[in-house]
Amino acid sequence: METEITNLAQLEARIAFLEVKKAEDEIYFNQKFEAIKEKIQHPFKFIKNAISSFAFGRNSNMAGADWATNLGRIFFPLLLNKTLLKNKGIIVKTLVSLFSQKAINYSVFNREVLSGWIDKVTDFVKTKTKKEKRYGVDDYGIPPESETA
């Protein structure tokens, strides 16, 4: 197995050999450890990059995106798929989803635009009653120009 050490020179040579072998083993095990660690972290990095890429986009016009823009990028393709593209194929749905996600950007769709749309819808829904439409608002109070004061 191992040779016997008979003098000081052989001992020093053996110590030097073992120190070099120890350094090589440490490098080898560190490389293996880093490789295993990278394999374990790779799925998490992929998911993190996919979420950040989807939420904020890779282009510069999505840098200031707010929550309304991010939700629009998610729900607008779903709305299209459930309504307009209901009986279309998977390829058409996928292409329209990709294009519609890119079409929703911060300069076109943000909180202010969304609140404007909501205000318009609520104004449309809040219609006057039939009596108000037909006769106007009934006011039985004293007119402000009256001489009763």
N, C-alpha and C. Protein backbone atom coordinates (compact mmCIF):
# COMPACT_ATOMS: atom_id res chain seq x y z
N MET A 1 0.82 -1.18 0.00
CA MET A 1 0.00 0.00 0.00
C MET A 1 0.87 1.25 0.00
N GLU A 2 1.39 1.57 1.13
CA GLU A 2 2.22 2.76 1.20
C GLU A 2 3.64 2.32 1.52
N THR A 3 4.53 3.11 0.96
CA THR A 3 5.94 2.80 1.23
C THR A 3 6.32 3.33 2.60
N GLU A 4 7.28 2.67 3.18
CA GLU A 4 7.74 3.12 4.48
C GLU A 4 8.67 4.30 4.32
N ILE A 5 8.57 5.21 5.26
CA ILE A 5 9.43 6.40 5.23
C ILE A 5 10.61 6.09 6.14
N THR A 6 11.82 6.22 5.54
CA THR A 6 13.01 5.86 6.31
C THR A 6 13.83 7.06 6.71
N ASN A 7 13.67 8.20 6.04
CA ASN A 7 14.47 9.35 6.41
C ASN A 7 13.64 10.63 6.33
N LEU A 8 14.24 11.75 6.69
CA LEU A 8 13.58 13.04 6.75
C LEU A 8 13.21 13.55 5.36
N ALA A 9 14.00 13.31 4.35
CA ALA A 9 13.72 13.78 2.99
C ALA A 9 12.47 13.09 2.44
N GLN A 10 12.34 11.80 2.68
CA GLN A 10 11.14 11.09 2.24
C GLN A 10 9.91 11.61 2.99
N LEU A 11 10.06 11.93 4.25
CA LEU A 11 8.95 12.47 5.03
C LEU A 11 8.51 13.82 4.48
N GLU A 12 9.45 14.71 4.20
CA GLU A 12 9.11 16.03 3.65
C GLU A 12 8.48 15.89 2.26
N ALA A 13 8.98 14.95 1.45
CA ALA A 13 8.40 14.74 0.12
C ALA A 13 6.97 14.20 0.25
N ARG A 14 6.76 13.32 1.19
CA ARG A 14 5.43 12.76 1.39
C ARG A 14 4.46 13.83 1.90
N ILE A 15 4.92 14.71 2.78
CA ILE A 15 4.08 15.80 3.30
C ILE A 15 3.72 16.75 2.15
N ALA A 16 4.68 17.09 1.32
CA ALA A 16 4.42 17.98 0.18
C ALA A 16 3.42 17.33 -0.78
N PHE A 17 3.59 16.03 -1.05
CA PHE A 17 2.68 15.31 -1.93
C PHE A 17 1.26 15.31 -1.36
N LEU A 18 1.13 15.07 -0.07
CA LEU A 18 -0.19 15.05 0.56
C LEU A 18 -0.84 16.44 0.57
N GLU A 19 -0.05 17.50 0.74
CA GLU A 19 -0.60 18.86 0.70
C GLU A 19 -1.12 19.19 -0.70
N VAL A 20 -0.38 18.78 -1.74
CA VAL A 20 -0.83 19.01 -3.11
C VAL A 20 -2.09 18.20 -3.38
N LYS A 21 -2.10 16.95 -2.93
CA LYS A 21 -3.29 16.11 -3.12
C LYS A 21 -4.48 16.69 -2.38
N LYS A 22 -4.27 17.23 -1.17
CA LYS A 22 -5.35 17.85 -0.41
C LYS A 22 -5.90 19.07 -1.16
N ALA A 23 -5.03 19.90 -1.71
CA ALA A 23 -5.47 21.09 -2.46
C ALA A 23 -6.27 20.67 -3.71
N GLU A 24 -5.79 19.65 -4.42
CA GLU A 24 -6.51 19.16 -5.61
C GLU A 24 -7.88 18.60 -5.23
N ASP A 25 -7.94 17.84 -4.12
CA ASP A 25 -9.21 17.29 -3.67
C ASP A 25 -10.19 18.41 -3.27
N GLU A 26 -9.69 19.44 -2.59
CA GLU A 26 -10.55 20.56 -2.20
C GLU A 26 -11.12 21.26 -3.44
N ILE A 27 -10.29 21.48 -4.44
CA ILE A 27 -10.76 22.11 -5.68
C ILE A 27 -11.80 21.23 -6.35
N TYR A 28 -11.55 19.94 -6.43
CA TYR A 28 -12.48 19.00 -7.06
C TYR A 28 -13.82 18.99 -6.34
N PHE A 29 -13.79 18.91 -5.00
CA PHE A 29 -15.04 18.85 -4.24
C PHE A 29 -15.79 20.19 -4.29
N ASN A 30 -15.05 21.30 -4.29
CA ASN A 30 -15.72 22.60 -4.42
C ASN A 30 -16.41 22.73 -5.78
N GLN A 31 -15.75 22.24 -6.84
CA GLN A 31 -16.38 22.28 -8.17
C GLN A 31 -17.63 21.40 -8.21
N LYS A 32 -17.55 20.22 -7.62
CA LYS A 32 -18.71 19.34 -7.58
C LYS A 32 -19.84 19.96 -6.76
N PHE A 33 -19.49 20.57 -5.62
CA PHE A 33 -20.49 21.20 -4.78
C PHE A 33 -21.18 22.35 -5.51
N GLU A 34 -20.40 23.18 -6.20
CA GLU A 34 -20.98 24.30 -6.96
C GLU A 34 -21.87 23.79 -8.10
N ALA A 35 -21.47 22.69 -8.74
CA ALA A 35 -22.28 22.14 -9.82
C ALA A 35 -23.62 21.62 -9.29
N ILE A 36 -23.59 20.94 -8.17
CA ILE A 36 -24.83 20.43 -7.57
C ILE A 36 -25.70 21.59 -7.11
N LYS A 37 -25.08 22.60 -6.49
CA LYS A 37 -25.83 23.77 -6.04
C LYS A 37 -26.48 24.50 -7.21
N GLU A 38 -25.77 24.60 -8.32
CA GLU A 38 -26.32 25.25 -9.52
C GLU A 38 -27.49 24.45 -10.09
N LYS A 39 -27.38 23.12 -10.08
CA LYS A 39 -28.47 22.29 -10.57
C LYS A 39 -29.71 22.43 -9.70
N ILE A 40 -29.53 22.57 -8.42
CA ILE A 40 -30.67 22.73 -7.52
C ILE A 40 -31.29 24.11 -7.68
N GLN A 41 -30.47 25.15 -7.85
CA GLN A 41 -30.98 26.51 -7.95
C GLN A 41 -31.51 26.85 -9.33
N HIS A 42 -31.19 26.10 -10.34
CA HIS A 42 -31.58 26.43 -11.71
C HIS A 42 -33.09 26.54 -11.90
N PRO A 43 -33.91 25.61 -11.41
CA PRO A 43 -35.37 25.78 -11.59
C PRO A 43 -35.91 27.03 -10.92
N PHE A 44 -35.38 27.36 -9.73
CA PHE A 44 -35.85 28.55 -9.04
C PHE A 44 -35.45 29.82 -9.79
N LYS A 45 -34.24 29.85 -10.34
CA LYS A 45 -33.82 31.00 -11.14
C LYS A 45 -34.67 31.14 -12.39
N PHE A 46 -34.99 30.01 -13.00
CA PHE A 46 -35.82 30.04 -14.21
C PHE A 46 -37.19 30.63 -13.91
N ILE A 47 -37.81 30.19 -12.82
CA ILE A 47 -39.13 30.70 -12.45
C ILE A 47 -39.04 32.17 -12.10
N LYS A 48 -38.03 32.57 -11.37
CA LYS A 48 -37.86 33.98 -10.99
C LYS A 48 -37.68 34.85 -12.23
N ASN A 49 -36.86 34.42 -13.17
CA ASN A 49 -36.64 35.18 -14.40
C ASN A 49 -37.90 35.23 -15.24
N ALA A 50 -38.64 34.13 -15.28
CA ALA A 50 -39.87 34.11 -16.07
C ALA A 50 -40.90 35.06 -15.49
N ILE A 51 -41.02 35.07 -14.17
CA ILE A 51 -41.99 35.96 -13.53
C ILE A 51 -41.58 37.41 -13.71
N SER A 52 -40.32 37.72 -13.50
CA SER A 52 -39.89 39.11 -13.66
C SER A 52 -39.96 39.55 -15.12
N SER A 53 -39.68 38.64 -16.03
CA SER A 53 -39.78 38.98 -17.45
C SER A 53 -41.23 39.20 -17.84
N PHE A 54 -42.12 38.37 -17.31
CA PHE A 54 -43.53 38.50 -17.65
C PHE A 54 -44.14 39.74 -17.01
N ALA A 55 -43.75 39.98 -15.76
CA ALA A 55 -44.37 41.09 -15.05
C ALA A 55 -43.84 42.44 -15.51
N PHE A 56 -42.57 42.54 -15.76
CA PHE A 56 -41.99 43.84 -16.07
C PHE A 56 -41.52 43.97 -17.50
N GLY A 57 -41.45 42.86 -18.22
CA GLY A 57 -41.00 42.92 -19.61
C GLY A 57 -39.50 43.12 -19.69
N ARG A 58 -38.95 42.79 -20.81
CA ARG A 58 -37.51 42.98 -20.99
C ARG A 58 -37.20 44.29 -21.69
N ASN A 59 -38.21 44.95 -22.23
CA ASN A 59 -37.95 46.20 -22.92
C ASN A 59 -38.11 47.37 -21.97
N SER A 60 -37.66 48.54 -22.40
CA SER A 60 -37.60 49.69 -21.51
C SER A 60 -38.96 50.32 -21.27
N ASN A 61 -39.95 50.12 -22.14
CA ASN A 61 -41.24 50.78 -21.93
C ASN A 61 -42.03 50.14 -20.80
N MET A 62 -41.61 49.00 -20.26
CA MET A 62 -42.29 48.37 -19.15
C MET A 62 -41.58 48.64 -17.83
N ALA A 63 -40.58 49.51 -17.83
CA ALA A 63 -39.82 49.75 -16.61
C ALA A 63 -40.68 50.38 -15.52
N GLY A 64 -41.65 51.26 -15.90
CA GLY A 64 -42.48 51.91 -14.92
C GLY A 64 -43.87 51.32 -14.83
N ALA A 65 -44.02 50.07 -15.15
CA ALA A 65 -45.34 49.44 -15.18
C ALA A 65 -45.91 49.36 -13.78
N ASP A 66 -47.21 49.63 -13.67
CA ASP A 66 -47.88 49.53 -12.38
C ASP A 66 -48.73 48.27 -12.35
N TRP A 67 -49.48 48.12 -11.29
CA TRP A 67 -50.26 46.89 -11.10
C TRP A 67 -51.34 46.74 -12.17
N ALA A 68 -51.90 47.84 -12.64
CA ALA A 68 -52.95 47.74 -13.65
C ALA A 68 -52.38 47.22 -14.97
N THR A 69 -51.20 47.68 -15.33
CA THR A 69 -50.56 47.20 -16.55
C THR A 69 -50.24 45.72 -16.46
N ASN A 70 -49.71 45.30 -15.32
CA ASN A 70 -49.37 43.89 -15.15
C ASN A 70 -50.62 43.01 -15.17
N LEU A 71 -51.69 43.44 -14.52
CA LEU A 71 -52.93 42.66 -14.56
C LEU A 71 -53.53 42.65 -15.96
N GLY A 72 -53.42 43.77 -16.67
CA GLY A 72 -53.91 43.82 -18.04
C GLY A 72 -53.17 42.86 -18.94
N ARG A 73 -51.87 42.73 -18.74
CA ARG A 73 -51.08 41.80 -19.54
C ARG A 73 -51.45 40.35 -19.26
N ILE A 74 -52.00 40.09 -18.09
CA ILE A 74 -52.41 38.73 -17.75
C ILE A 74 -53.84 38.46 -18.21
N PHE A 75 -54.75 39.38 -17.88
CA PHE A 75 -56.18 39.10 -18.08
C PHE A 75 -56.69 39.44 -19.47
N PHE A 76 -56.05 40.34 -20.20
CA PHE A 76 -56.52 40.67 -21.54
C PHE A 76 -56.43 39.47 -22.49
N PRO A 77 -55.32 38.71 -22.51
CA PRO A 77 -55.31 37.50 -23.35
C PRO A 77 -56.33 36.46 -22.90
N LEU A 78 -56.54 36.33 -21.59
CA LEU A 78 -57.55 35.38 -21.11
C LEU A 78 -58.95 35.80 -21.56
N LEU A 79 -59.24 37.11 -21.51
CA LEU A 79 -60.53 37.61 -21.96
C LEU A 79 -60.72 37.35 -23.45
N LEU A 80 -59.67 37.58 -24.24
CA LEU A 80 -59.76 37.31 -25.67
C LEU A 80 -59.99 35.83 -25.95
N ASN A 81 -59.28 34.98 -25.23
CA ASN A 81 -59.42 33.53 -25.45
C ASN A 81 -60.81 33.03 -25.08
N LYS A 82 -61.41 33.60 -24.05
CA LYS A 82 -62.73 33.13 -23.61
C LYS A 82 -63.87 33.72 -24.45
N THR A 83 -63.64 34.85 -25.13
CA THR A 83 -64.74 35.49 -25.86
C THR A 83 -64.54 35.38 -27.37
N LEU A 84 -63.62 36.12 -27.91
CA LEU A 84 -63.47 36.19 -29.36
C LEU A 84 -62.86 34.94 -29.98
N LEU A 85 -61.97 34.30 -29.25
CA LEU A 85 -61.25 33.16 -29.81
C LEU A 85 -61.74 31.84 -29.23
N LYS A 86 -63.02 31.76 -28.91
CA LYS A 86 -63.55 30.60 -28.20
C LYS A 86 -63.38 29.30 -29.00
N ASN A 87 -63.66 29.31 -30.28
CA ASN A 87 -63.60 28.07 -31.07
C ASN A 87 -62.40 28.04 -32.02
N LYS A 88 -61.37 28.79 -31.73
CA LYS A 88 -60.18 28.82 -32.57
C LYS A 88 -59.17 27.78 -32.08
N GLY A 89 -58.16 27.54 -32.90
CA GLY A 89 -57.15 26.55 -32.56
C GLY A 89 -56.14 27.06 -31.56
N ILE A 90 -55.33 26.15 -31.06
CA ILE A 90 -54.34 26.48 -30.04
C ILE A 90 -53.26 27.41 -30.59
N ILE A 91 -52.91 27.27 -31.85
CA ILE A 91 -51.87 28.11 -32.44
C ILE A 91 -52.36 29.55 -32.53
N VAL A 92 -53.58 29.75 -32.98
CA VAL A 92 -54.13 31.09 -33.09
C VAL A 92 -54.24 31.74 -31.72
N LYS A 93 -54.71 30.98 -30.73
CA LYS A 93 -54.84 31.51 -29.38
C LYS A 93 -53.48 31.89 -28.81
N THR A 94 -52.47 31.06 -29.06
CA THR A 94 -51.14 31.36 -28.54
C THR A 94 -50.56 32.60 -29.18
N LEU A 95 -50.69 32.73 -30.49
CA LEU A 95 -50.16 33.91 -31.18
C LEU A 95 -50.87 35.18 -30.75
N VAL A 96 -52.18 35.12 -30.65
CA VAL A 96 -52.93 36.31 -30.21
C VAL A 96 -52.59 36.66 -28.77
N SER A 97 -52.38 35.67 -27.93
CA SER A 97 -52.00 35.93 -26.54
C SER A 97 -50.65 36.62 -26.47
N LEU A 98 -49.69 36.13 -27.24
CA LEU A 98 -48.36 36.76 -27.23
C LEU A 98 -48.42 38.19 -27.74
N PHE A 99 -49.14 38.42 -28.83
CA PHE A 99 -49.23 39.78 -29.37
C PHE A 99 -50.00 40.71 -28.45
N SER A 100 -51.04 40.20 -27.82
CA SER A 100 -51.83 41.07 -26.94
C SER A 100 -51.06 41.42 -25.66
N GLN A 101 -50.21 40.51 -25.19
CA GLN A 101 -49.38 40.83 -24.03
C GLN A 101 -48.39 41.93 -24.37
N LYS A 102 -47.84 41.89 -25.57
CA LYS A 102 -46.89 42.93 -25.97
C LYS A 102 -47.60 44.25 -26.27
N ALA A 103 -48.88 44.18 -26.64
CA ALA A 103 -49.62 45.40 -26.96
C ALA A 103 -49.96 46.19 -25.70
N ILE A 104 -50.13 45.52 -24.59
CA ILE A 104 -50.43 46.21 -23.34
C ILE A 104 -49.11 46.70 -22.77
N ASN A 105 -48.86 47.99 -22.87
CA ASN A 105 -47.67 48.55 -22.25
C ASN A 105 -48.07 49.73 -21.38
N TYR A 106 -47.13 50.26 -20.65
CA TYR A 106 -47.42 51.27 -19.64
C TYR A 106 -47.96 52.55 -20.25
N SER A 107 -47.51 52.91 -21.41
CA SER A 107 -47.96 54.18 -22.00
C SER A 107 -49.39 54.09 -22.51
N VAL A 108 -49.89 52.88 -22.78
CA VAL A 108 -51.24 52.72 -23.31
C VAL A 108 -52.24 52.36 -22.21
N PHE A 109 -51.84 51.53 -21.29
CA PHE A 109 -52.76 51.02 -20.27
C PHE A 109 -52.12 51.13 -18.91
N ASN A 110 -52.65 52.02 -18.06
CA ASN A 110 -52.14 52.17 -16.70
C ASN A 110 -53.30 52.49 -15.77
N ARG A 111 -53.02 52.86 -14.54
CA ARG A 111 -54.08 53.10 -13.56
C ARG A 111 -55.01 54.23 -13.99
N GLU A 112 -54.45 55.29 -14.54
CA GLU A 112 -55.28 56.43 -14.93
C GLU A 112 -56.24 56.06 -16.06
N VAL A 113 -55.75 55.32 -17.04
CA VAL A 113 -56.61 54.89 -18.14
C VAL A 113 -57.70 53.96 -17.62
N LEU A 114 -57.33 53.03 -16.74
CA LEU A 114 -58.30 52.10 -16.17
C LEU A 114 -59.36 52.84 -15.37
N SER A 115 -58.95 53.82 -14.57
CA SER A 115 -59.95 54.56 -13.79
C SER A 115 -60.85 55.39 -14.70
N GLY A 116 -60.33 55.90 -15.80
CA GLY A 116 -61.16 56.61 -16.77
C GLY A 116 -62.21 55.70 -17.39
N TRP A 117 -61.80 54.48 -17.73
CA TRP A 117 -62.76 53.51 -18.29
C TRP A 117 -63.83 53.16 -17.27
N ILE A 118 -63.42 52.97 -16.03
CA ILE A 118 -64.39 52.62 -14.98
C ILE A 118 -65.36 53.77 -14.77
N ASP A 119 -64.87 55.02 -14.80
CA ASP A 119 -65.77 56.17 -14.66
C ASP A 119 -66.78 56.23 -15.80
N LYS A 120 -66.34 55.96 -17.02
CA LYS A 120 -67.26 55.98 -18.16
C LYS A 120 -68.32 54.89 -18.04
N VAL A 121 -67.91 53.71 -17.59
CA VAL A 121 -68.86 52.61 -17.43
C VAL A 121 -69.87 52.94 -16.34
N THR A 122 -69.40 53.48 -15.22
CA THR A 122 -70.34 53.81 -14.14
C THR A 122 -71.28 54.93 -14.54
N ASP A 123 -70.81 55.90 -15.32
CA ASP A 123 -71.71 56.95 -15.81
C ASP A 123 -72.75 56.36 -16.75
N PHE A 124 -72.38 55.40 -17.56
CA PHE A 124 -73.32 54.77 -18.47
C PHE A 124 -74.34 53.94 -17.72
N VAL A 125 -73.89 53.24 -16.67
CA VAL A 125 -74.78 52.38 -15.91
C VAL A 125 -75.74 53.21 -15.06
N LYS A 126 -75.26 54.33 -14.56
CA LYS A 126 -76.10 55.19 -13.74
C LYS A 126 -77.03 56.01 -14.63
N THR A 127 -78.05 55.39 -15.12
CA THR A 127 -79.01 56.11 -15.96
C THR A 127 -80.09 56.72 -15.09
N LYS A 128 -80.72 57.74 -15.61
CA LYS A 128 -81.80 58.39 -14.88
C LYS A 128 -83.03 57.48 -14.89
N THR A 129 -83.88 57.67 -13.94
CA THR A 129 -85.12 56.90 -13.93
C THR A 129 -86.03 57.42 -15.03
N LYS A 130 -87.07 56.67 -15.35
CA LYS A 130 -87.97 57.06 -16.44
C LYS A 130 -88.66 58.38 -16.14
N LYS A 131 -89.05 58.62 -14.90
CA LYS A 131 -89.72 59.86 -14.55
C LYS A 131 -88.79 61.05 -14.75
N GLU A 132 -87.55 60.92 -14.34
CA GLU A 132 -86.59 62.01 -14.52
C GLU A 132 -86.35 62.27 -16.00
N LYS A 133 -86.31 61.23 -16.81
CA LYS A 133 -86.11 61.42 -18.24
C LYS A 133 -87.30 62.13 -18.86
N ARG A 134 -88.50 61.76 -18.46
CA ARG A 134 -89.70 62.28 -19.09
C ARG A 134 -90.03 63.71 -18.63
N TYR A 135 -90.02 63.96 -17.33
CA TYR A 135 -90.51 65.23 -16.81
C TYR A 135 -89.43 66.11 -16.22
N GLY A 136 -88.28 65.60 -16.00
CA GLY A 136 -87.25 66.39 -15.31
C GLY A 136 -87.36 66.16 -13.82
N VAL A 137 -86.53 66.82 -13.07
CA VAL A 137 -86.50 66.65 -11.62
C VAL A 137 -87.59 67.53 -11.02
N ASP A 138 -88.41 66.96 -10.14
CA ASP A 138 -89.45 67.73 -9.46
C ASP A 138 -88.84 68.50 -8.31
N ASP A 139 -89.13 69.81 -8.28
CA ASP A 139 -88.62 70.65 -7.20
C ASP A 139 -89.78 71.46 -6.67
N TYR A 140 -90.20 71.23 -5.43
CA TYR A 140 -91.34 71.91 -4.85
C TYR A 140 -90.91 72.94 -3.81
N GLY A 141 -89.68 73.29 -3.78
CA GLY A 141 -89.20 74.25 -2.79
C GLY A 141 -89.50 75.68 -3.20
N ILE A 142 -89.11 76.58 -2.37
CA ILE A 142 -89.31 78.00 -2.63
C ILE A 142 -88.24 78.44 -3.61
N PRO A 143 -88.62 79.14 -4.68
CA PRO A 143 -87.62 79.61 -5.63
C PRO A 143 -86.70 80.63 -4.98
N PRO A 144 -85.44 80.64 -5.36
CA PRO A 144 -84.50 81.53 -4.71
C PRO A 144 -84.79 83.02 -4.98
N GLU A 145 -85.50 83.34 -6.06
CA GLU A 145 -85.78 84.75 -6.38
C GLU A 145 -87.08 85.23 -5.76
N SER A 146 -87.71 84.46 -4.92
CA SER A 146 -89.00 84.84 -4.40
C SER A 146 -88.85 86.00 -3.41
N GLU A 147 -89.96 86.70 -3.17
CA GLU A 147 -89.95 87.87 -2.29
C GLU A 147 -90.41 87.50 -0.89
N THR A 148 -90.26 86.26 -0.49
CA THR A 148 -90.73 85.85 0.82
C THR A 148 -89.76 86.20 1.92
N ALA A 149 -88.58 86.55 1.60
CA ALA A 149 -87.59 86.81 2.63
C ALA A 149 -87.64 88.20 3.20
